[in-house]
Amino acid sequence: MWWGLLAVAAFSLTVPFTRVAVGGLSPLFIGSARAVVAAALAILALSITRQRLPQGAQWARLAVVGAGTVVGFPLLTSFALTTAPATHGAVVIAVLPAATAVMAVVRGHEHPPLAFWVAAGVGAVAAMAFAWAQSGGPGQLHRVDLLLFGAVVAAAVGYAEGGLLARELGAWQTVSWALVVCAPWMAVLTGLSAIQRTPEGTAVEWAAFAYLGVVSMFLGFFAWYRGLAIGPMARVSQVQLVQPVMSIGWAVLIVGEQITWTTALGGVVVILCAGSAVRARLGSPR
């Protein structure tokens, strides 16, 4: 649980710092270049410690982890947060613990009670209702919300598969190899983004980008996959429930955003639903 809490504390700054970075840097550059920075650190760490290469199907599973956490989540959130407030993004992403639990159930072929599916479904509906309320009502769902929901699905898949794979390869080794697998593609995207728009930002924006590459993309996963590997995965994933609260707090302190009553209410409802889903799964028979 402590490993999970340490990781969540690190991840809670991701949304606010992404919001800061997109003020001057392009979202494509942020989403791809942060992975390149993390991949360089991963290659260095793997080389120094002389880690054994993954075997067979582990490469395909690493590609799944990378597609979700290295490619999908960073790129989708970077584009979404060019216009969406960090508080808005934090509330929508608050459904991630429930989504991670669902993916873990599917991946582990579990049969949780009906209460799990009800809570997970209500949580998803609550997140969509919040997005609709912020967008002007049903039928007015903005593109940024679709990007945020896509980021949630991508991260949930990567978290669930990474937690299982960390038991075989090790915690930091899993995220490192996933970064290596995705490095060529992200390097190409970084180059294209730099050609389209020369990266220019303030010192604060570059500092936020550095945090995203070193901590959010690399060091934070050391603790996260370590906690998931020790498990049980469903219990450790409960710690994610405090992440949106922390992210909203950081958004107020760092970005200077205001908390509206819809943000507060939406955050409470989504977090309660996600917590109910995780707890229902914890009580399910194996």
Protein backbone atom coordinates (compact mmCIF):
# COMPACT_ATOMS: atom_id res chain seq x y z
CA MET A 1 0.00 0.00 0.00
CA TRP A 2 2.88 2.38 0.79
CA TRP A 3 4.51 1.72 -2.57
CA GLY A 4 1.15 2.46 -4.21
CA LEU A 5 0.71 5.68 -2.21
CA LEU A 6 4.20 6.87 -3.15
CA ALA A 7 3.41 6.27 -6.83
CA VAL A 8 0.03 8.01 -6.62
CA ALA A 9 1.64 11.04 -4.98
CA ALA A 10 4.04 11.22 -7.93
CA PHE A 11 1.28 10.68 -10.51
CA SER A 12 -1.02 13.26 -8.91
CA LEU A 13 1.17 16.03 -10.34
CA THR A 14 0.94 14.68 -13.89
CA VAL A 15 -2.30 16.42 -14.89
CA PRO A 16 -1.40 19.85 -13.41
CA PHE A 17 2.14 19.76 -14.84
CA THR A 18 0.83 18.67 -18.24
CA ARG A 19 -1.51 21.65 -18.13
CA VAL A 20 1.50 23.88 -17.36
CA ALA A 21 3.68 22.38 -20.10
CA VAL A 22 1.09 22.71 -22.89
CA GLY A 23 1.10 26.45 -22.29
CA GLY A 24 4.20 26.73 -24.45
CA LEU A 25 5.09 23.28 -25.81
CA SER A 26 3.03 21.35 -28.35
CA PRO A 27 0.95 18.41 -27.00
CA LEU A 28 2.51 16.01 -29.52
CA PHE A 29 6.01 16.99 -28.36
CA ILE A 30 5.08 16.63 -24.68
CA GLY A 31 3.38 13.26 -25.13
CA SER A 32 6.17 11.75 -27.21
CA ALA A 33 9.35 13.46 -25.97
CA ARG A 34 8.63 12.64 -22.32
CA ALA A 35 8.66 8.97 -23.35
CA VAL A 36 11.99 9.44 -25.14
CA VAL A 37 13.51 11.01 -22.01
CA ALA A 38 12.21 8.15 -19.88
CA ALA A 39 13.40 5.56 -22.42
CA ALA A 40 16.93 6.98 -22.30
CA LEU A 41 16.92 6.58 -18.51
CA ALA A 42 15.49 3.06 -18.87
CA ILE A 43 18.20 1.98 -21.33
CA LEU A 44 20.86 3.34 -18.97
CA ALA A 45 19.40 1.51 -15.97
CA LEU A 46 18.96 -1.78 -17.86
CA SER A 47 22.50 -1.61 -19.23
CA ILE A 48 24.16 -0.82 -15.91
CA THR A 49 22.34 -3.63 -14.08
CA ARG A 50 22.67 -6.05 -17.04
CA GLN A 51 19.08 -7.22 -16.95
CA ARG A 52 18.03 -10.42 -18.68
CA LEU A 53 16.09 -9.92 -21.90
CA PRO A 54 12.34 -10.68 -21.81
CA GLN A 55 11.37 -13.96 -23.42
CA GLY A 56 8.80 -14.93 -26.04
CA ALA A 57 5.29 -13.68 -25.32
CA GLN A 58 6.62 -11.23 -22.75
CA TRP A 59 7.60 -8.90 -25.60
CA ALA A 60 4.00 -8.78 -26.84
CA ARG A 61 2.75 -8.13 -23.31
CA LEU A 62 5.31 -5.33 -22.93
CA ALA A 63 3.95 -3.82 -26.13
CA VAL A 64 0.47 -3.82 -24.53
CA VAL A 65 1.85 -2.09 -21.43
CA GLY A 66 3.67 0.45 -23.57
CA ALA A 67 0.67 1.10 -25.81
CA GLY A 68 -1.38 1.99 -22.75
CA THR A 69 1.00 3.83 -20.43
CA VAL A 70 3.79 5.06 -22.74
CA VAL A 71 1.83 5.99 -25.86
CA GLY A 72 -1.90 6.20 -25.15
CA PHE A 73 -2.26 7.97 -21.82
CA PRO A 74 0.49 10.62 -22.28
CA LEU A 75 -0.54 11.61 -25.81
CA LEU A 76 -4.29 11.66 -25.18
CA THR A 77 -4.03 13.67 -21.97
CA SER A 78 -1.56 16.11 -23.53
CA PHE A 79 -3.96 16.92 -26.35
CA ALA A 80 -6.97 17.06 -24.01
CA LEU A 81 -5.32 19.43 -21.53
CA THR A 82 -4.49 22.02 -24.16
CA THR A 83 -8.04 23.29 -23.60
CA ALA A 84 -9.51 21.39 -20.63
CA PRO A 85 -8.76 22.67 -17.10
CA ALA A 86 -6.62 20.38 -14.95
CA THR A 87 -9.47 20.04 -12.43
CA HIS A 88 -11.80 18.84 -15.18
CA GLY A 89 -9.24 16.28 -16.36
CA ALA A 90 -8.69 15.05 -12.80
CA VAL A 91 -12.40 14.34 -12.27
CA VAL A 92 -12.82 12.41 -15.53
CA ILE A 93 -9.64 10.42 -14.86
CA ALA A 94 -10.98 9.62 -11.36
CA VAL A 95 -12.81 6.65 -12.91
CA LEU A 96 -9.41 5.03 -13.60
CA PRO A 97 -9.33 2.82 -10.44
CA ALA A 98 -12.62 1.22 -11.45
CA ALA A 99 -11.44 0.86 -15.04
CA THR A 100 -8.20 -0.76 -13.84
CA ALA A 101 -10.20 -3.19 -11.69
CA VAL A 102 -12.38 -4.09 -14.69
CA MET A 103 -9.32 -4.77 -16.85
CA ALA A 104 -7.76 -6.86 -14.07
CA VAL A 105 -10.98 -8.89 -13.83
CA VAL A 106 -11.05 -9.45 -17.60
CA ARG A 107 -7.33 -10.28 -17.74
CA GLY A 108 -7.53 -12.58 -14.72
CA HIS A 109 -10.77 -14.29 -15.84
CA GLU A 110 -12.38 -13.51 -12.49
CA HIS A 111 -16.11 -13.65 -11.69
CA PRO A 112 -16.82 -10.77 -9.31
CA PRO A 113 -20.27 -10.15 -7.81
CA LEU A 114 -22.95 -8.09 -9.54
CA ALA A 115 -22.23 -5.21 -7.16
CA PHE A 116 -18.82 -4.77 -8.81
CA TRP A 117 -20.27 -4.30 -12.29
CA VAL A 118 -23.01 -2.01 -10.98
CA ALA A 119 -20.53 0.24 -9.16
CA ALA A 120 -18.13 0.32 -12.12
CA GLY A 121 -21.00 1.11 -14.50
CA VAL A 122 -22.41 3.85 -12.28
CA GLY A 123 -18.92 5.34 -11.95
CA ALA A 124 -18.53 5.47 -15.72
CA VAL A 125 -21.96 7.05 -16.10
CA ALA A 126 -21.13 9.58 -13.36
CA ALA A 127 -17.91 10.57 -15.13
CA MET A 128 -19.79 10.99 -18.40
CA ALA A 129 -22.54 12.99 -16.68
CA PHE A 130 -19.90 15.31 -15.23
CA ALA A 131 -18.34 15.75 -18.67
CA TRP A 132 -21.78 16.46 -20.16
CA ALA A 133 -22.58 18.99 -17.44
CA GLN A 134 -19.34 20.82 -18.14
CA SER A 135 -19.96 20.69 -21.89
CA GLY A 136 -23.52 22.00 -21.88
CA GLY A 137 -25.61 18.85 -21.57
CA PRO A 138 -26.09 15.45 -23.29
CA GLY A 139 -25.11 15.46 -26.92
CA GLN A 140 -22.52 18.16 -26.29
CA LEU A 141 -19.64 15.95 -25.17
CA HIS A 142 -16.47 17.75 -26.17
CA ARG A 143 -13.55 16.18 -28.02
CA VAL A 144 -11.36 16.67 -24.96
CA ASP A 145 -13.64 14.41 -22.92
CA LEU A 146 -13.40 11.67 -25.53
CA LEU A 147 -9.63 12.01 -25.35
CA LEU A 148 -9.71 11.78 -21.54
CA PHE A 149 -11.93 8.70 -21.56
CA GLY A 150 -9.62 7.13 -24.14
CA ALA A 151 -6.68 7.90 -21.85
CA VAL A 152 -8.46 6.15 -18.96
CA VAL A 153 -8.99 2.99 -21.01
CA ALA A 154 -5.40 3.03 -22.25
CA ALA A 155 -3.96 3.46 -18.75
CA ALA A 156 -6.24 0.78 -17.27
CA VAL A 157 -5.05 -1.77 -19.83
CA GLY A 158 -1.41 -0.84 -19.23
CA TYR A 159 -1.75 -0.90 -15.44
CA ALA A 160 -3.46 -4.30 -15.33
CA GLU A 161 -1.06 -6.00 -17.75
CA GLY A 162 1.96 -4.27 -16.20
CA GLY A 163 0.97 -5.38 -12.70
CA LEU A 164 0.86 -9.01 -13.84
CA LEU A 165 4.06 -8.77 -15.84
CA ALA A 166 5.92 -7.11 -12.95
CA ARG A 167 5.64 -10.40 -11.05
CA GLU A 168 7.73 -12.04 -13.76
CA LEU A 169 10.19 -9.34 -14.82
CA GLY A 170 10.30 -7.09 -11.76
CA ALA A 171 8.67 -3.72 -11.15
CA TRP A 172 11.13 -1.22 -12.61
CA GLN A 173 12.22 -3.69 -15.27
CA THR A 174 8.66 -3.89 -16.63
CA VAL A 175 8.27 -0.17 -17.19
CA SER A 176 11.84 0.07 -18.49
CA TRP A 177 11.37 -2.62 -21.13
CA ALA A 178 7.98 -1.15 -22.11
CA LEU A 179 9.70 2.20 -22.69
CA VAL A 180 12.40 0.52 -24.77
CA VAL A 181 9.79 -1.24 -26.92
CA CYS A 182 8.01 2.05 -27.65
CA ALA A 183 11.15 4.22 -27.93
CA PRO A 184 11.56 4.06 -31.76
CA TRP A 185 7.97 5.15 -32.42
CA MET A 186 8.05 7.91 -29.85
CA ALA A 187 11.40 9.16 -31.18
CA VAL A 188 9.85 9.49 -34.66
CA LEU A 189 6.86 11.39 -33.24
CA THR A 190 9.21 13.66 -31.30
CA GLY A 191 11.13 14.47 -34.45
CA LEU A 192 7.95 15.18 -36.41
CA SER A 193 6.59 17.42 -33.66
CA ALA A 194 9.87 19.37 -33.51
CA ILE A 195 9.78 19.88 -37.29
CA GLN A 196 6.16 21.07 -37.22
CA ARG A 197 6.76 23.43 -34.31
CA THR A 198 10.10 24.30 -32.75
CA PRO A 199 9.92 23.47 -29.01
CA GLU A 200 10.01 26.78 -27.19
CA GLY A 201 8.87 27.27 -23.62
CA THR A 202 9.56 29.14 -20.43
CA ALA A 203 11.77 27.73 -17.68
CA VAL A 204 8.65 26.73 -15.74
CA GLU A 205 7.18 24.89 -18.73
CA TRP A 206 10.44 23.01 -19.34
CA ALA A 207 10.62 22.13 -15.63
CA ALA A 208 7.09 20.72 -15.82
CA PHE A 209 8.08 18.72 -18.90
CA ALA A 210 11.18 17.38 -17.09
CA TYR A 211 8.96 16.15 -14.25
CA LEU A 212 6.66 14.40 -16.73
CA GLY A 213 9.57 12.61 -18.38
CA VAL A 214 11.62 11.65 -15.33
CA VAL A 215 9.01 11.09 -12.61
CA SER A 216 5.57 10.60 -14.19
CA MET A 217 6.92 8.45 -17.01
CA PHE A 218 9.71 6.57 -15.25
CA LEU A 219 10.39 6.76 -11.51
CA GLY A 220 6.71 6.80 -10.50
CA PHE A 221 6.16 3.45 -12.18
CA PHE A 222 8.97 1.91 -10.13
CA ALA A 223 6.82 2.29 -7.03
CA TRP A 224 3.49 1.63 -8.78
CA TYR A 225 4.37 -1.69 -10.39
CA ARG A 226 6.26 -2.71 -7.25
CA GLY A 227 3.09 -2.25 -5.23
CA LEU A 228 0.92 -4.04 -7.82
CA ALA A 229 3.39 -6.91 -8.04
CA ILE A 230 3.33 -7.44 -4.25
CA GLY A 231 -0.45 -7.13 -4.40
CA PRO A 232 -3.14 -8.06 -4.19
CA MET A 233 -3.56 -5.83 -7.23
CA ALA A 234 -7.18 -4.92 -6.45
CA ARG A 235 -6.36 -3.79 -2.92
CA VAL A 236 -3.33 -1.73 -3.94
CA SER A 237 -5.31 -0.07 -6.74
CA GLN A 238 -7.59 1.45 -4.07
CA VAL A 239 -4.83 3.96 -3.36
CA GLN A 240 -5.60 5.51 -6.76
CA LEU A 241 -8.79 6.89 -5.23
CA VAL A 242 -6.83 9.71 -3.56
CA GLN A 243 -5.12 10.72 -6.81
CA PRO A 244 -7.91 12.93 -8.24
CA VAL A 245 -8.25 14.72 -4.89
CA MET A 246 -4.52 15.42 -4.85
CA SER A 247 -4.53 16.43 -8.53
CA ILE A 248 -7.35 18.93 -7.97
CA GLY A 249 -5.48 20.34 -4.98
CA TRP A 250 -2.30 20.72 -7.03
CA ALA A 251 -4.28 22.35 -9.86
CA VAL A 252 -5.54 24.98 -7.44
CA LEU A 253 -2.10 25.60 -5.92
CA ILE A 254 0.08 25.37 -9.03
CA VAL A 255 -2.15 26.40 -11.93
CA GLY A 256 -4.41 28.72 -9.93
CA GLU A 257 -7.66 27.12 -11.09
CA GLN A 258 -10.94 27.54 -9.20
CA ILE A 259 -13.00 24.61 -7.94
CA THR A 260 -16.65 24.88 -9.02
CA TRP A 261 -19.51 23.07 -7.30
CA THR A 262 -19.89 20.74 -10.32
CA THR A 263 -16.21 19.82 -10.08
CA ALA A 264 -16.48 19.08 -6.35
CA LEU A 265 -19.73 17.10 -6.71
CA GLY A 266 -18.53 15.23 -9.78
CA GLY A 267 -15.26 14.32 -8.09
CA VAL A 268 -16.99 13.00 -4.96
CA VAL A 269 -19.48 10.87 -6.91
CA VAL A 270 -16.90 9.37 -9.28
CA ILE A 271 -14.46 8.59 -6.45
CA LEU A 272 -17.19 6.94 -4.34
CA CYS A 273 -18.29 4.78 -7.28
CA ALA A 274 -14.72 3.78 -8.11
CA GLY A 275 -14.10 2.91 -4.46
CA SER A 276 -17.27 0.82 -4.32
CA ALA A 277 -16.22 -1.11 -7.44
CA VAL A 278 -12.75 -1.86 -6.07
CA ARG A 279 -14.13 -2.94 -2.69
CA ALA A 280 -16.77 -5.15 -4.33
CA ARG A 281 -14.05 -6.91 -6.28
CA LEU A 282 -12.00 -7.40 -3.12
CA GLY A 283 -14.91 -9.29 -1.63
CA SER A 284 -15.42 -11.47 -4.71
CA PRO A 285 -14.64 -15.23 -4.64
CA ARG A 286 -11.56 -16.31 -6.52
